[in-house]
Amino acid sequence: MNTKNVISAPPGKINFRTAELVDLPAIVEIYNQAVPTHRSTANTTPVTVEGRKAWFYEHDPDQHPIFVAEVDGQVVGWCSLSVYRPGRSALRFTAEISCYIDNNRQRQGVGRELVRHALEAAPSLGIKNIVAVLIDRNEASRKMVEKLGFQQWGYLPRVLDFDGQECGEFYYGIRVAD
């Protein structure tokens, strides 16, 4: 996979590329913005750069990359294609997608374009299906994936507990290659 810029962008425009280790602090910072909202991640405490290194290295750029979105050289979002249910070889053509956008850049189309970029790259990575696991109170992400063609494949009610507040998870999926 080419780690150079995939799309050239003039100043102020979104540029997508494969993440490099130098991007990990920005990736962690953006992810940690989502933790206290209890809408985008089941983590209830912030993560650290050191604690996310193993996760970063699990994402082989040629099979399960992490993409970053940049505006004016600044990482403003990221999206990962992760192994879905590791160790189960029958699921080898399915990946789980995650996407997080800096709070100051949300609702500007960055997430939609970043997910679209990952969907377009997936077939060349050997990925046929993509699964998105979304907390049921995350209405914005649900609407976004539906607009991109994802369909609801399942729902797990009351599987999350945030300090006594229970909520569920939606499973959305899309077939990207035959």
C-alpha atoms as a PDB file:
ATOM      1  CA  MET A   1       0.000   0.000   0.000  1.00  0.00           C
ATOM      2  CA  ASN A   2       1.303   3.427  -0.870  1.00  0.00           C
ATOM      3  CA  THR A   3       1.965   5.424   2.304  1.00  0.00           C
ATOM      4  CA  LYS A   4       2.257   8.646   0.360  1.00  0.00           C
ATOM      5  CA  ASN A   5      -0.640  10.991  -0.192  1.00  0.00           C
ATOM      6  CA  VAL A   6      -3.472   9.248  -1.955  1.00  0.00           C
ATOM      7  CA  ILE A   7      -5.259  12.452  -2.891  1.00  0.00           C
ATOM      8  CA  SER A   8      -3.462  15.768  -3.353  1.00  0.00           C
ATOM      9  CA  ALA A   9      -5.276  18.668  -1.847  1.00  0.00           C
ATOM     10  CA  PRO A  10      -4.878  22.431  -2.059  1.00  0.00           C
ATOM     11  CA  PRO A  11      -4.699  24.355   1.232  1.00  0.00           C
ATOM     12  CA  GLY A  12      -7.802  23.887   3.351  1.00  0.00           C
ATOM     13  CA  LYS A  13      -8.808  20.677   1.550  1.00  0.00           C
ATOM     14  CA  ILE A  14      -8.779  17.136   2.950  1.00  0.00           C
ATOM     15  CA  ASN A  15      -5.783  14.939   2.172  1.00  0.00           C
ATOM     16  CA  PHE A  16      -5.862  11.177   2.883  1.00  0.00           C
ATOM     17  CA  ARG A  17      -2.877   8.940   3.490  1.00  0.00           C
ATOM     18  CA  THR A  18      -1.845   5.809   5.340  1.00  0.00           C
ATOM     19  CA  ALA A  19      -0.934   6.538   8.957  1.00  0.00           C
ATOM     20  CA  GLU A  20       2.657   6.433  10.142  1.00  0.00           C
ATOM     21  CA  LEU A  21       3.915   5.967  13.686  1.00  0.00           C
ATOM     22  CA  VAL A  22       4.537   9.725  13.934  1.00  0.00           C
ATOM     23  CA  ASP A  23       0.742  10.171  13.602  1.00  0.00           C
ATOM     24  CA  LEU A  24      -0.025   8.049  16.673  1.00  0.00           C
ATOM     25  CA  PRO A  25      -0.098  10.962  19.178  1.00  0.00           C
ATOM     26  CA  ALA A  26      -2.698  12.766  17.034  1.00  0.00           C
ATOM     27  CA  ILE A  27      -4.676   9.532  16.574  1.00  0.00           C
ATOM     28  CA  VAL A  28      -4.726   8.980  20.346  1.00  0.00           C
ATOM     29  CA  GLU A  29      -5.663  12.601  21.048  1.00  0.00           C
ATOM     30  CA  ILE A  30      -8.608  12.439  18.649  1.00  0.00           C
ATOM     31  CA  TYR A  31      -9.738   9.075  20.035  1.00  0.00           C
ATOM     32  CA  ASN A  32      -9.580  10.345  23.613  1.00  0.00           C
ATOM     33  CA  GLN A  33     -11.918  13.218  22.715  1.00  0.00           C
ATOM     34  CA  ALA A  34     -14.612  10.569  22.161  1.00  0.00           C
ATOM     35  CA  VAL A  35     -14.133   8.680  25.449  1.00  0.00           C
ATOM     36  CA  PRO A  36     -16.107  10.992  27.792  1.00  0.00           C
ATOM     37  CA  THR A  37     -19.050  11.314  25.369  1.00  0.00           C
ATOM     38  CA  HIS A  38     -20.048   7.629  25.768  1.00  0.00           C
ATOM     39  CA  ARG A  39     -21.308   7.728  22.156  1.00  0.00           C
ATOM     40  CA  SER A  40     -18.413   6.526  20.019  1.00  0.00           C
ATOM     41  CA  THR A  41     -16.358   4.051  22.036  1.00  0.00           C
ATOM     42  CA  ALA A  42     -16.941   1.548  24.805  1.00  0.00           C
ATOM     43  CA  ASN A  43     -13.700   2.653  26.458  1.00  0.00           C
ATOM     44  CA  THR A  44     -14.448   4.582  29.619  1.00  0.00           C
ATOM     45  CA  THR A  45     -10.911   5.824  30.286  1.00  0.00           C
ATOM     46  CA  PRO A  46      -8.480   7.570  27.938  1.00  0.00           C
ATOM     47  CA  VAL A  47      -5.788   5.558  26.164  1.00  0.00           C
ATOM     48  CA  THR A  48      -2.089   6.402  25.909  1.00  0.00           C
ATOM     49  CA  VAL A  49       0.262   6.543  22.970  1.00  0.00           C
ATOM     50  CA  GLU A  50       2.398   3.815  24.541  1.00  0.00           C
ATOM     51  CA  GLY A  51      -0.673   1.694  25.189  1.00  0.00           C
ATOM     52  CA  ARG A  52      -1.815   1.997  21.560  1.00  0.00           C
ATOM     53  CA  LYS A  53       1.480   1.038  19.898  1.00  0.00           C
ATOM     54  CA  ALA A  54       0.608  -2.668  19.719  1.00  0.00           C
ATOM     55  CA  TRP A  55      -2.772  -1.756  18.191  1.00  0.00           C
ATOM     56  CA  PHE A  56      -0.997   0.454  15.640  1.00  0.00           C
ATOM     57  CA  TYR A  57       1.447  -2.302  14.650  1.00  0.00           C
ATOM     58  CA  GLU A  58      -1.426  -4.806  14.247  1.00  0.00           C
ATOM     59  CA  HIS A  59      -2.603  -2.703  11.302  1.00  0.00           C
ATOM     60  CA  ASP A  60      -0.522  -3.883   8.357  1.00  0.00           C
ATOM     61  CA  PRO A  61      -0.803  -1.093   5.752  1.00  0.00           C
ATOM     62  CA  ASP A  62      -1.102  -3.712   2.986  1.00  0.00           C
ATOM     63  CA  GLN A  63      -4.053  -5.515   4.573  1.00  0.00           C
ATOM     64  CA  HIS A  64      -5.654  -3.545   7.423  1.00  0.00           C
ATOM     65  CA  PRO A  65      -4.436   0.053   7.249  1.00  0.00           C
ATOM     66  CA  ILE A  66      -5.108   3.073   9.353  1.00  0.00           C
ATOM     67  CA  PHE A  67      -5.844   6.125   7.225  1.00  0.00           C
ATOM     68  CA  VAL A  68      -5.513   9.700   8.410  1.00  0.00           C
ATOM     69  CA  ALA A  69      -7.237  12.795   7.094  1.00  0.00           C
ATOM     70  CA  GLU A  70      -5.149  15.948   7.029  1.00  0.00           C
ATOM     71  CA  VAL A  71      -6.089  19.546   6.500  1.00  0.00           C
ATOM     72  CA  ASP A  72      -3.196  21.971   6.039  1.00  0.00           C
ATOM     73  CA  GLY A  73      -0.763  19.308   7.279  1.00  0.00           C
ATOM     74  CA  GLN A  74      -2.716  18.692  10.493  1.00  0.00           C
ATOM     75  CA  VAL A  75      -4.256  15.289  11.273  1.00  0.00           C
ATOM     76  CA  VAL A  76      -7.972  15.966  11.809  1.00  0.00           C
ATOM     77  CA  GLY A  77      -9.300  12.401  11.730  1.00  0.00           C
ATOM     78  CA  TRP A  78      -8.476   8.770  11.269  1.00  0.00           C
ATOM     79  CA  CYS A  79     -10.100   5.576  10.127  1.00  0.00           C
ATOM     80  CA  SER A  80      -8.919   1.999  10.646  1.00  0.00           C
ATOM     81  CA  LEU A  81      -9.741  -1.248   8.913  1.00  0.00           C
ATOM     82  CA  SER A  82      -9.136  -3.917  11.567  1.00  0.00           C
ATOM     83  CA  VAL A  83      -9.159  -7.687  11.521  1.00  0.00           C
ATOM     84  CA  TYR A  84     -12.686  -8.759  12.407  1.00  0.00           C
ATOM     85  CA  ARG A  85     -12.721 -11.451  15.100  1.00  0.00           C
ATOM     86  CA  PRO A  86      -9.000 -12.336  14.972  1.00  0.00           C
ATOM     87  CA  GLY A  87      -8.094 -15.995  14.648  1.00  0.00           C
ATOM     88  CA  ARG A  88     -11.245 -16.990  12.779  1.00  0.00           C
ATOM     89  CA  SER A  89      -9.999 -17.639   9.263  1.00  0.00           C
ATOM     90  CA  ALA A  90     -13.460 -17.910   7.705  1.00  0.00           C
ATOM     91  CA  LEU A  91     -13.817 -14.165   8.448  1.00  0.00           C
ATOM     92  CA  ARG A  92     -10.527 -13.251   6.724  1.00  0.00           C
ATOM     93  CA  PHE A  93     -12.272 -11.178   4.022  1.00  0.00           C
ATOM     94  CA  THR A  94     -14.219  -9.105   6.565  1.00  0.00           C
ATOM     95  CA  ALA A  95     -12.850  -6.054   8.353  1.00  0.00           C
ATOM     96  CA  GLU A  96     -14.200  -3.806  11.091  1.00  0.00           C
ATOM     97  CA  ILE A  97     -14.100  -0.091  10.384  1.00  0.00           C
ATOM     98  CA  SER A  98     -13.612   2.605  13.020  1.00  0.00           C
ATOM     99  CA  CYS A  99     -13.563   6.332  12.379  1.00  0.00           C
ATOM    100  CA  TYR A 100     -12.871   9.266  14.698  1.00  0.00           C
ATOM    101  CA  ILE A 101     -12.774  12.953  13.831  1.00  0.00           C
ATOM    102  CA  ASP A 102     -11.333  15.840  15.835  1.00  0.00           C
ATOM    103  CA  ASN A 103     -14.131  17.627  17.704  1.00  0.00           C
ATOM    104  CA  ASN A 104     -13.341  20.877  15.854  1.00  0.00           C
ATOM    105  CA  ARG A 105     -13.803  19.175  12.457  1.00  0.00           C
ATOM    106  CA  GLN A 106     -16.964  17.163  13.051  1.00  0.00           C
ATOM    107  CA  ARG A 107     -20.025  17.721  10.856  1.00  0.00           C
ATOM    108  CA  GLN A 108     -17.859  19.079   8.033  1.00  0.00           C
ATOM    109  CA  GLY A 109     -17.810  15.928   5.876  1.00  0.00           C
ATOM    110  CA  VAL A 110     -14.378  14.730   7.013  1.00  0.00           C
ATOM    111  CA  GLY A 111     -15.705  11.473   8.473  1.00  0.00           C
ATOM    112  CA  ARG A 112     -17.866  10.708   5.459  1.00  0.00           C
ATOM    113  CA  GLU A 113     -14.978  11.264   3.041  1.00  0.00           C
ATOM    114  CA  LEU A 114     -12.561   9.303   5.209  1.00  0.00           C
ATOM    115  CA  VAL A 115     -14.925   6.311   5.373  1.00  0.00           C
ATOM    116  CA  ARG A 116     -15.567   6.613   1.633  1.00  0.00           C
ATOM    117  CA  HIS A 117     -11.791   6.536   1.081  1.00  0.00           C
ATOM    118  CA  ALA A 118     -11.498   3.341   3.157  1.00  0.00           C
ATOM    119  CA  LEU A 119     -14.417   1.726   1.301  1.00  0.00           C
ATOM    120  CA  GLU A 120     -12.761   2.461  -2.032  1.00  0.00           C
ATOM    121  CA  ALA A 121      -9.413   1.058  -0.854  1.00  0.00           C
ATOM    122  CA  ALA A 122     -10.862  -2.107   0.712  1.00  0.00           C
ATOM    123  CA  PRO A 123     -11.183  -4.327  -2.400  1.00  0.00           C
ATOM    124  CA  SER A 124      -7.505  -3.820  -3.301  1.00  0.00           C
ATOM    125  CA  LEU A 125      -6.662  -4.955   0.260  1.00  0.00           C
ATOM    126  CA  GLY A 126      -8.563  -8.227  -0.178  1.00  0.00           C
ATOM    127  CA  ILE A 127     -11.513  -7.042   1.918  1.00  0.00           C
ATOM    128  CA  LYS A 128     -15.006  -7.996   0.727  1.00  0.00           C
ATOM    129  CA  ASN A 129     -17.163  -6.986   3.717  1.00  0.00           C
ATOM    130  CA  ILE A 130     -16.897  -4.163   6.205  1.00  0.00           C
ATOM    131  CA  VAL A 131     -18.620  -4.126   9.577  1.00  0.00           C
ATOM    132  CA  ALA A 132     -19.206  -0.976  11.635  1.00  0.00           C
ATOM    133  CA  VAL A 133     -20.131  -1.422  15.299  1.00  0.00           C
ATOM    134  CA  LEU A 134     -21.935   1.695  16.529  1.00  0.00           C
ATOM    135  CA  ILE A 135     -23.268   2.609  19.945  1.00  0.00           C
ATOM    136  CA  ASP A 136     -27.016   3.080  19.576  1.00  0.00           C
ATOM    137  CA  ARG A 137     -26.952   6.662  20.868  1.00  0.00           C
ATOM    138  CA  ASN A 138     -24.509   7.679  18.114  1.00  0.00           C
ATOM    139  CA  GLU A 139     -27.150   8.917  15.701  1.00  0.00           C
ATOM    140  CA  ALA A 140     -24.718  10.996  13.600  1.00  0.00           C
ATOM    141  CA  SER A 141     -22.524   8.004  12.754  1.00  0.00           C
ATOM    142  CA  ARG A 142     -25.548   5.824  12.062  1.00  0.00           C
ATOM    143  CA  LYS A 143     -26.885   8.367   9.562  1.00  0.00           C
ATOM    144  CA  MET A 144     -23.454   8.721   7.966  1.00  0.00           C
ATOM    145  CA  VAL A 145     -22.924   5.002   7.340  1.00  0.00           C
ATOM    146  CA  GLU A 146     -26.472   4.601   6.061  1.00  0.00           C
ATOM    147  CA  LYS A 147     -25.850   7.387   3.522  1.00  0.00           C
ATOM    148  CA  LEU A 148     -22.715   5.526   2.419  1.00  0.00           C
ATOM    149  CA  GLY A 149     -24.711   2.360   1.737  1.00  0.00           C
ATOM    150  CA  PHE A 150     -24.238   0.379   4.945  1.00  0.00           C
ATOM    151  CA  GLN A 151     -27.226  -1.661   6.090  1.00  0.00           C
ATOM    152  CA  GLN A 152     -28.162  -2.627   9.619  1.00  0.00           C
ATOM    153  CA  TRP A 153     -27.079  -6.243  10.087  1.00  0.00           C
ATOM    154  CA  GLY A 154     -27.811  -6.592  13.776  1.00  0.00           C
ATOM    155  CA  TYR A 155     -28.509  -5.042  17.145  1.00  0.00           C
ATOM    156  CA  LEU A 156     -27.322  -6.038  20.619  1.00  0.00           C
ATOM    157  CA  PRO A 157     -29.578  -4.378  23.221  1.00  0.00           C
ATOM    158  CA  ARG A 158     -28.266  -3.205  26.587  1.00  0.00           C
ATOM    159  CA  VAL A 159     -24.768  -4.672  26.195  1.00  0.00           C
ATOM    160  CA  LEU A 160     -22.974  -1.478  27.285  1.00  0.00           C
ATOM    161  CA  ASP A 161     -23.075   0.109  30.720  1.00  0.00           C
ATOM    162  CA  PHE A 162     -21.764   3.621  31.237  1.00  0.00           C
ATOM    163  CA  ASP A 163     -21.993   4.256  34.976  1.00  0.00           C
ATOM    164  CA  GLY A 164     -25.438   2.680  35.202  1.00  0.00           C
ATOM    165  CA  GLN A 165     -26.709   3.944  31.841  1.00  0.00           C
ATOM    166  CA  GLU A 166     -27.241   0.970  29.561  1.00  0.00           C
ATOM    167  CA  CYS A 167     -27.313   1.152  25.793  1.00  0.00           C
ATOM    168  CA  GLY A 168     -26.885  -1.151  22.839  1.00  0.00           C
ATOM    169  CA  GLU A 169     -24.738  -1.619  19.779  1.00  0.00           C
ATOM    170  CA  PHE A 170     -25.824  -1.625  16.163  1.00  0.00           C
ATOM    171  CA  TYR A 171     -23.938  -3.727  13.646  1.00  0.00           C
ATOM    172  CA  TYR A 172     -23.901  -2.179  10.207  1.00  0.00           C
ATOM    173  CA  GLY A 173     -22.304  -3.799   7.185  1.00  0.00           C
ATOM    174  CA  ILE A 174     -21.539  -3.311   3.544  1.00  0.00           C
ATOM    175  CA  ARG A 175     -20.283  -5.627   0.810  1.00  0.00           C
ATOM    176  CA  VAL A 176     -17.479  -3.862  -1.095  1.00  0.00           C
ATOM    177  CA  ALA A 177     -16.249  -6.650  -3.409  1.00  0.00           C
ATOM    178  CA  ASP A 178     -17.350  -9.985  -4.831  1.00  0.00           C
END
